[in-house]
Amino acid sequence: GIDNIQITGQVITAGEGTPQSGLAMAVANPVRG
């Protein structure tokens, strides 16, 4: 027999999906070299 079947999952929250890409401003600004 296949009994007491329970199927559950965890909600995918922000930040757990596809990694985000982008550019951030350099610090300090302006820079030398």
All heavy atoms as atom14 arrays in JSON, in Angstrom:
{
  "sequence": "GIDNIQITGQVITAGEGTPQSGLAMAVANPVRG",
  "atom14_mask": [
    [1, 1, 1, 1, 0, 0, 0, 0, 0, 0, 0, 0, 0, 0],
    [1, 1, 1, 1, 1, 1, 1, 1, 0, 0, 0, 0, 0, 0],
    [1, 1, 1, 1, 1, 1, 1, 1, 0, 0, 0, 0, 0, 0],
    [1, 1, 1, 1, 1, 1, 1, 1, 0, 0, 0, 0, 0, 0],
    [1, 1, 1, 1, 1, 1, 1, 1, 0, 0, 0, 0, 0, 0],
    [1, 1, 1, 1, 1, 1, 1, 1, 1, 0, 0, 0, 0, 0],
    [1, 1, 1, 1, 1, 1, 1, 1, 0, 0, 0, 0, 0, 0],
    [1, 1, 1, 1, 1, 1, 1, 0, 0, 0, 0, 0, 0, 0],
    [1, 1, 1, 1, 0, 0, 0, 0, 0, 0, 0, 0, 0, 0],
    [1, 1, 1, 1, 1, 1, 1, 1, 1, 0, 0, 0, 0, 0],
    [1, 1, 1, 1, 1, 1, 1, 0, 0, 0, 0, 0, 0, 0],
    [1, 1, 1, 1, 1, 1, 1, 1, 0, 0, 0, 0, 0, 0],
    [1, 1, 1, 1, 1, 1, 1, 0, 0, 0, 0, 0, 0, 0],
    [1, 1, 1, 1, 1, 0, 0, 0, 0, 0, 0, 0, 0, 0],
    [1, 1, 1, 1, 0, 0, 0, 0, 0, 0, 0, 0, 0, 0],
    [1, 1, 1, 1, 1, 1, 1, 1, 1, 0, 0, 0, 0, 0],
    [1, 1, 1, 1, 0, 0, 0, 0, 0, 0, 0, 0, 0, 0],
    [1, 1, 1, 1, 1, 1, 1, 0, 0, 0, 0, 0, 0, 0],
    [1, 1, 1, 1, 1, 1, 1, 0, 0, 0, 0, 0, 0, 0],
    [1, 1, 1, 1, 1, 1, 1, 1, 1, 0, 0, 0, 0, 0],
    [1, 1, 1, 1, 1, 1, 0, 0, 0, 0, 0, 0, 0, 0],
    [1, 1, 1, 1, 0, 0, 0, 0, 0, 0, 0, 0, 0, 0],
    [1, 1, 1, 1, 1, 1, 1, 1, 0, 0, 0, 0, 0, 0],
    [1, 1, 1, 1, 1, 0, 0, 0, 0, 0, 0, 0, 0, 0],
    [1, 1, 1, 1, 1, 1, 1, 1, 0, 0, 0, 0, 0, 0],
    [1, 1, 1, 1, 1, 0, 0, 0, 0, 0, 0, 0, 0, 0],
    [1, 1, 1, 1, 1, 1, 1, 0, 0, 0, 0, 0, 0, 0],
    [1, 1, 1, 1, 1, 0, 0, 0, 0, 0, 0, 0, 0, 0],
    [1, 1, 1, 1, 1, 1, 1, 1, 0, 0, 0, 0, 0, 0],
    [1, 1, 1, 1, 1, 1, 1, 0, 0, 0, 0, 0, 0, 0],
    [1, 1, 1, 1, 1, 1, 1, 0, 0, 0, 0, 0, 0, 0],
    [1, 1, 1, 1, 1, 1, 1, 1, 1, 1, 1, 0, 0, 0],
    [1, 1, 1, 1, 0, 0, 0, 0, 0, 0, 0, 0, 0, 0]
  ],
  "atom14_positions": [
    [[0.81, -1.21, 0.0], [0.0, 0.0, 0.0], [0.85, 1.25, 0.0], [1.97, 1.26, 0.51], [0.0, 0.0, 0.0], [0.0, 0.0, 0.0], [0.0, 0.0, 0.0], [0.0, 0.0, 0.0], [0.0, 0.0, 0.0], [0.0, 0.0, 0.0], [0.0, 0.0, 0.0], [0.0, 0.0, 0.0], [0.0, 0.0, 0.0], [0.0, 0.0, 0.0]],
    [[0.31, 2.32, -0.6], [0.93, 3.64, -0.56], [-0.02, 4.55, 0.2], [-1.06, 4.95, -0.32], [1.21, 4.2, -1.97], [2.04, 3.2, -2.78], [1.95, 5.52, -1.9], [1.25, 2.47, -3.81], [0.0, 0.0, 0.0], [0.0, 0.0, 0.0], [0.0, 0.0, 0.0], [0.0, 0.0, 0.0], [0.0, 0.0, 0.0], [0.0, 0.0, 0.0]],
    [[0.32, 4.89, 1.42], [-0.61, 5.54, 2.34], [-0.01, 6.81, 2.93], [1.19, 7.05, 2.85], [-0.99, 4.56, 3.45], [-2.32, 4.88, 4.09], [-3.0, 5.83, 3.64], [-2.71, 4.17, 5.05], [0.0, 0.0, 0.0], [0.0, 0.0, 0.0], [0.0, 0.0, 0.0], [0.0, 0.0, 0.0], [0.0, 0.0, 0.0], [0.0, 0.0, 0.0]],
    [[-0.88, 7.61, 3.55], [-0.47, 8.84, 4.25], [0.43, 9.71, 3.38], [1.48, 10.19, 3.81], [0.23, 8.51, 5.57], [-0.65, 7.77, 6.54], [-1.88, 7.8, 6.41], [-0.06, 7.08, 7.5], [0.0, 0.0, 0.0], [0.0, 0.0, 0.0], [0.0, 0.0, 0.0], [0.0, 0.0, 0.0], [0.0, 0.0, 0.0], [0.0, 0.0, 0.0]],
    [[-0.01, 9.94, 2.16], [0.78, 10.72, 1.2], [0.69, 12.2, 1.54], [-0.4, 12.76, 1.64], [0.27, 10.46, -0.23], [0.42, 8.98, -0.59], [1.0, 11.34, -1.24], [-0.29, 8.59, -1.87], [0.0, 0.0, 0.0], [0.0, 0.0, 0.0], [0.0, 0.0, 0.0], [0.0, 0.0, 0.0], [0.0, 0.0, 0.0], [0.0, 0.0, 0.0]],
    [[1.85, 12.83, 1.71], [1.93, 14.26, 1.99], [2.95, 14.89, 1.03], [4.1, 14.47, 1.02], [2.36, 14.53, 3.42], [1.45, 13.95, 4.48], [2.0, 14.19, 5.87], [2.09, 15.33, 6.33], [2.4, 13.12, 6.54], [0.0, 0.0, 0.0], [0.0, 0.0, 0.0], [0.0, 0.0, 0.0], [0.0, 0.0, 0.0], [0.0, 0.0, 0.0]],
    [[2.51, 15.9, 0.27], [3.4, 16.61, -0.64], [3.37, 18.09, -0.24], [2.29, 18.7, -0.23], [2.98, 16.47, -2.11], [2.57, 15.03, -2.44], [4.09, 16.97, -3.02], [3.67, 14.04, -2.42], [0.0, 0.0, 0.0], [0.0, 0.0, 0.0], [0.0, 0.0, 0.0], [0.0, 0.0, 0.0], [0.0, 0.0, 0.0], [0.0, 0.0, 0.0]],
    [[4.52, 18.65, 0.08], [4.59, 20.05, 0.5], [5.76, 20.72, -0.22], [6.59, 20.07, -0.84], [4.79, 20.17, 2.02], [5.99, 19.47, 2.39], [3.61, 19.57, 2.78], [0.0, 0.0, 0.0], [0.0, 0.0, 0.0], [0.0, 0.0, 0.0], [0.0, 0.0, 0.0], [0.0, 0.0, 0.0], [0.0, 0.0, 0.0], [0.0, 0.0, 0.0]],
    [[5.82, 22.04, -0.12], [6.92, 22.81, -0.69], [7.12, 24.1, 0.07], [6.26, 24.51, 0.85], [0.0, 0.0, 0.0], [0.0, 0.0, 0.0], [0.0, 0.0, 0.0], [0.0, 0.0, 0.0], [0.0, 0.0, 0.0], [0.0, 0.0, 0.0], [0.0, 0.0, 0.0], [0.0, 0.0, 0.0], [0.0, 0.0, 0.0], [0.0, 0.0, 0.0]],
    [[8.26, 24.73, -0.16], [8.57, 26.01, 0.47], [8.44, 27.12, -0.57], [8.89, 26.96, -1.71], [9.99, 26.01, 1.04], [10.18, 25.01, 2.17], [11.61, 24.96, 2.65], [12.53, 25.41, 1.97], [11.82, 24.42, 3.83], [0.0, 0.0, 0.0], [0.0, 0.0, 0.0], [0.0, 0.0, 0.0], [0.0, 0.0, 0.0], [0.0, 0.0, 0.0]],
    [[7.84, 28.22, -0.16], [7.66, 29.35, -1.07], [9.02, 29.92, -1.46], [9.9, 30.12, -0.62], [6.79, 30.43, -0.42], [6.69, 31.66, -1.31], [5.4, 29.89, -0.11], [0.0, 0.0, 0.0], [0.0, 0.0, 0.0], [0.0, 0.0, 0.0], [0.0, 0.0, 0.0], [0.0, 0.0, 0.0], [0.0, 0.0, 0.0], [0.0, 0.0, 0.0]],
    [[9.19, 30.16, -2.76], [10.4, 30.81, -3.26], [10.27, 32.3, -2.99], [9.38, 32.97, -3.52], [10.58, 30.55, -4.76], [10.69, 29.05, -5.04], [11.82, 31.29, -5.28], [10.74, 28.72, -6.53], [0.0, 0.0, 0.0], [0.0, 0.0, 0.0], [0.0, 0.0, 0.0], [0.0, 0.0, 0.0], [0.0, 0.0, 0.0], [0.0, 0.0, 0.0]],
    [[11.13, 32.84, -2.13], [11.07, 34.25, -1.77], [12.07, 35.05, -2.58], [12.95, 34.5, -3.24], [11.36, 34.44, -0.27], [12.65, 33.9, 0.02], [10.32, 33.72, 0.57], [0.0, 0.0, 0.0], [0.0, 0.0, 0.0], [0.0, 0.0, 0.0], [0.0, 0.0, 0.0], [0.0, 0.0, 0.0], [0.0, 0.0, 0.0], [0.0, 0.0, 0.0]],
    [[11.94, 36.38, -2.53], [12.85, 37.27, -3.27], [14.29, 36.98, -2.86], [14.6, 36.84, -1.68], [12.5, 38.72, -2.98], [0.0, 0.0, 0.0], [0.0, 0.0, 0.0], [0.0, 0.0, 0.0], [0.0, 0.0, 0.0], [0.0, 0.0, 0.0], [0.0, 0.0, 0.0], [0.0, 0.0, 0.0], [0.0, 0.0, 0.0], [0.0, 0.0, 0.0]],
    [[15.16, 36.9, -3.87], [16.56, 36.64, -3.6], [16.92, 35.18, -3.72], [18.1, 34.83, -3.74], [0.0, 0.0, 0.0], [0.0, 0.0, 0.0], [0.0, 0.0, 0.0], [0.0, 0.0, 0.0], [0.0, 0.0, 0.0], [0.0, 0.0, 0.0], [0.0, 0.0, 0.0], [0.0, 0.0, 0.0], [0.0, 0.0, 0.0], [0.0, 0.0, 0.0]],
    [[15.9, 34.27, -3.81], [16.17, 32.84, -3.92], [16.04, 32.34, -5.36], [16.27, 31.18, -5.63], [15.24, 32.04, -3.03], [15.48, 32.29, -1.56], [14.57, 31.43, -0.69], [13.39, 31.33, -1.03], [15.05, 30.89, 0.3], [0.0, 0.0, 0.0], [0.0, 0.0, 0.0], [0.0, 0.0, 0.0], [0.0, 0.0, 0.0], [0.0, 0.0, 0.0]],
    [[15.69, 33.27, -6.27], [15.54, 32.86, -7.65], [16.82, 33.08, -8.43], [17.92, 32.88, -7.93], [0.0, 0.0, 0.0], [0.0, 0.0, 0.0], [0.0, 0.0, 0.0], [0.0, 0.0, 0.0], [0.0, 0.0, 0.0], [0.0, 0.0, 0.0], [0.0, 0.0, 0.0], [0.0, 0.0, 0.0], [0.0, 0.0, 0.0], [0.0, 0.0, 0.0]],
    [[16.67, 33.57, -9.66], [17.83, 33.81, -10.51], [18.66, 34.96, -9.98], [18.12, 36.02, -9.66], [17.36, 34.14, -11.95], [16.55, 33.07, -12.41], [18.56, 34.33, -12.87], [0.0, 0.0, 0.0], [0.0, 0.0, 0.0], [0.0, 0.0, 0.0], [0.0, 0.0, 0.0], [0.0, 0.0, 0.0], [0.0, 0.0, 0.0], [0.0, 0.0, 0.0]],
    [[19.99, 34.8, -9.82], [20.82, 35.88, -9.32], [20.7, 37.12, -10.21], [20.6, 37.02, -11.42], [22.24, 35.3, -9.39], [22.04, 33.82, -9.39], [20.75, 33.59, -10.09], [0.0, 0.0, 0.0], [0.0, 0.0, 0.0], [0.0, 0.0, 0.0], [0.0, 0.0, 0.0], [0.0, 0.0, 0.0], [0.0, 0.0, 0.0], [0.0, 0.0, 0.0]],
    [[20.7, 38.3, -9.57], [20.59, 39.55, -10.28], [21.98, 40.09, -10.62], [22.93, 39.88, -9.88], [19.83, 40.58, -9.43], [18.42, 40.14, -9.06], [17.56, 39.93, -10.28], [17.48, 40.81, -11.13], [16.91, 38.78, -10.37], [0.0, 0.0, 0.0], [0.0, 0.0, 0.0], [0.0, 0.0, 0.0], [0.0, 0.0, 0.0], [0.0, 0.0, 0.0]],
    [[22.11, 40.8, -11.74], [23.37, 41.41, -12.12], [23.19, 42.91, -12.3], [22.08, 43.39, -12.51], [23.9, 40.79, -13.42], [22.99, 41.03, -14.47], [0.0, 0.0, 0.0], [0.0, 0.0, 0.0], [0.0, 0.0, 0.0], [0.0, 0.0, 0.0], [0.0, 0.0, 0.0], [0.0, 0.0, 0.0], [0.0, 0.0, 0.0], [0.0, 0.0, 0.0]],
    [[24.32, 43.67, -12.21], [24.23, 45.11, -12.39], [25.55, 45.77, -12.03], [26.51, 45.11, -11.66], [0.0, 0.0, 0.0], [0.0, 0.0, 0.0], [0.0, 0.0, 0.0], [0.0, 0.0, 0.0], [0.0, 0.0, 0.0], [0.0, 0.0, 0.0], [0.0, 0.0, 0.0], [0.0, 0.0, 0.0], [0.0, 0.0, 0.0], [0.0, 0.0, 0.0]],
    [[25.6, 47.08, -12.1], [26.78, 47.86, -11.76], [26.47, 48.77, -10.6], [25.39, 49.35, -10.53], [27.25, 48.69, -12.97], [27.75, 47.9, -14.19], [28.05, 48.87, -15.33], [28.99, 47.11, -13.83], [0.0, 0.0, 0.0], [0.0, 0.0, 0.0], [0.0, 0.0, 0.0], [0.0, 0.0, 0.0], [0.0, 0.0, 0.0], [0.0, 0.0, 0.0]],
    [[27.43, 48.9, -9.69], [27.27, 49.82, -8.57], [28.29, 50.94, -8.71], [29.37, 50.75, -9.29], [27.48, 49.09, -7.25], [0.0, 0.0, 0.0], [0.0, 0.0, 0.0], [0.0, 0.0, 0.0], [0.0, 0.0, 0.0], [0.0, 0.0, 0.0], [0.0, 0.0, 0.0], [0.0, 0.0, 0.0], [0.0, 0.0, 0.0], [0.0, 0.0, 0.0]],
    [[27.95, 52.12, -8.18], [28.88, 53.25, -8.27], [30.13, 52.98, -7.45], [30.06, 52.46, -6.35], [28.19, 54.52, -7.75], [29.06, 55.77, -7.87], [28.16, 57.24, -7.37], [26.97, 57.37, -8.69], [0.0, 0.0, 0.0], [0.0, 0.0, 0.0], [0.0, 0.0, 0.0], [0.0, 0.0, 0.0], [0.0, 0.0, 0.0], [0.0, 0.0, 0.0]],
    [[31.29, 53.29, -8.03], [32.56, 53.11, -7.32], [32.68, 54.09, -6.17], [32.16, 55.21, -6.21], [33.72, 53.3, -8.29], [0.0, 0.0, 0.0], [0.0, 0.0, 0.0], [0.0, 0.0, 0.0], [0.0, 0.0, 0.0], [0.0, 0.0, 0.0], [0.0, 0.0, 0.0], [0.0, 0.0, 0.0], [0.0, 0.0, 0.0], [0.0, 0.0, 0.0]],
    [[33.32, 53.66, -5.11], [33.55, 54.5, -3.94], [35.04, 54.49, -3.67], [35.67, 53.44, -3.6], [32.77, 53.96, -2.72], [33.06, 54.82, -1.49], [31.28, 53.92, -3.01], [0.0, 0.0, 0.0], [0.0, 0.0, 0.0], [0.0, 0.0, 0.0], [0.0, 0.0, 0.0], [0.0, 0.0, 0.0], [0.0, 0.0, 0.0], [0.0, 0.0, 0.0]],
    [[35.78, 55.63, -3.49], [35.17, 56.96, -3.58], [34.96, 57.4, -5.01], [35.47, 56.78, -5.93], [36.1, 57.97, -2.89], [0.0, 0.0, 0.0], [0.0, 0.0, 0.0], [0.0, 0.0, 0.0], [0.0, 0.0, 0.0], [0.0, 0.0, 0.0], [0.0, 0.0, 0.0], [0.0, 0.0, 0.0], [0.0, 0.0, 0.0], [0.0, 0.0, 0.0]],
    [[34.27, 58.49, -5.2], [33.98, 58.97, -6.53], [34.15, 60.49, -6.54], [33.51, 61.17, -5.72], [32.55, 58.61, -6.9], [32.22, 58.97, -8.35], [33.08, 58.92, -9.2], [30.96, 59.34, -8.6], [0.0, 0.0, 0.0], [0.0, 0.0, 0.0], [0.0, 0.0, 0.0], [0.0, 0.0, 0.0], [0.0, 0.0, 0.0], [0.0, 0.0, 0.0]],
    [[35.01, 61.07, -7.4], [35.78, 60.41, -8.44], [36.96, 59.61, -7.88], [37.28, 59.75, -6.69], [36.27, 61.58, -9.3], [36.38, 62.7, -8.34], [35.23, 62.53, -7.37], [0.0, 0.0, 0.0], [0.0, 0.0, 0.0], [0.0, 0.0, 0.0], [0.0, 0.0, 0.0], [0.0, 0.0, 0.0], [0.0, 0.0, 0.0], [0.0, 0.0, 0.0]],
    [[37.61, 58.8, -8.73], [38.74, 57.98, -8.3], [39.94, 58.28, -9.17], [39.82, 58.83, -10.26], [38.39, 56.48, -8.39], [37.24, 56.14, -7.5], [38.08, 56.09, -9.85], [0.0, 0.0, 0.0], [0.0, 0.0, 0.0], [0.0, 0.0, 0.0], [0.0, 0.0, 0.0], [0.0, 0.0, 0.0], [0.0, 0.0, 0.0], [0.0, 0.0, 0.0]],
    [[41.12, 57.94, -8.68], [42.35, 58.05, -9.45], [42.9, 56.66, -9.73], [42.76, 55.78, -8.89], [43.39, 58.88, -8.68], [43.03, 60.35, -8.51], [44.11, 61.05, -7.71], [43.77, 62.44, -7.49], [44.05, 63.41, -8.36], [44.67, 63.14, -9.49], [43.73, 64.68, -8.09], [0.0, 0.0, 0.0], [0.0, 0.0, 0.0], [0.0, 0.0, 0.0]],
    [[43.54, 56.47, -10.85], [44.13, 55.17, -11.17], [43.08, 54.15, -11.52], [42.02, 54.44, -12.03], [0.0, 0.0, 0.0], [0.0, 0.0, 0.0], [0.0, 0.0, 0.0], [0.0, 0.0, 0.0], [0.0, 0.0, 0.0], [0.0, 0.0, 0.0], [0.0, 0.0, 0.0], [0.0, 0.0, 0.0], [0.0, 0.0, 0.0], [0.0, 0.0, 0.0]]
  ]
}
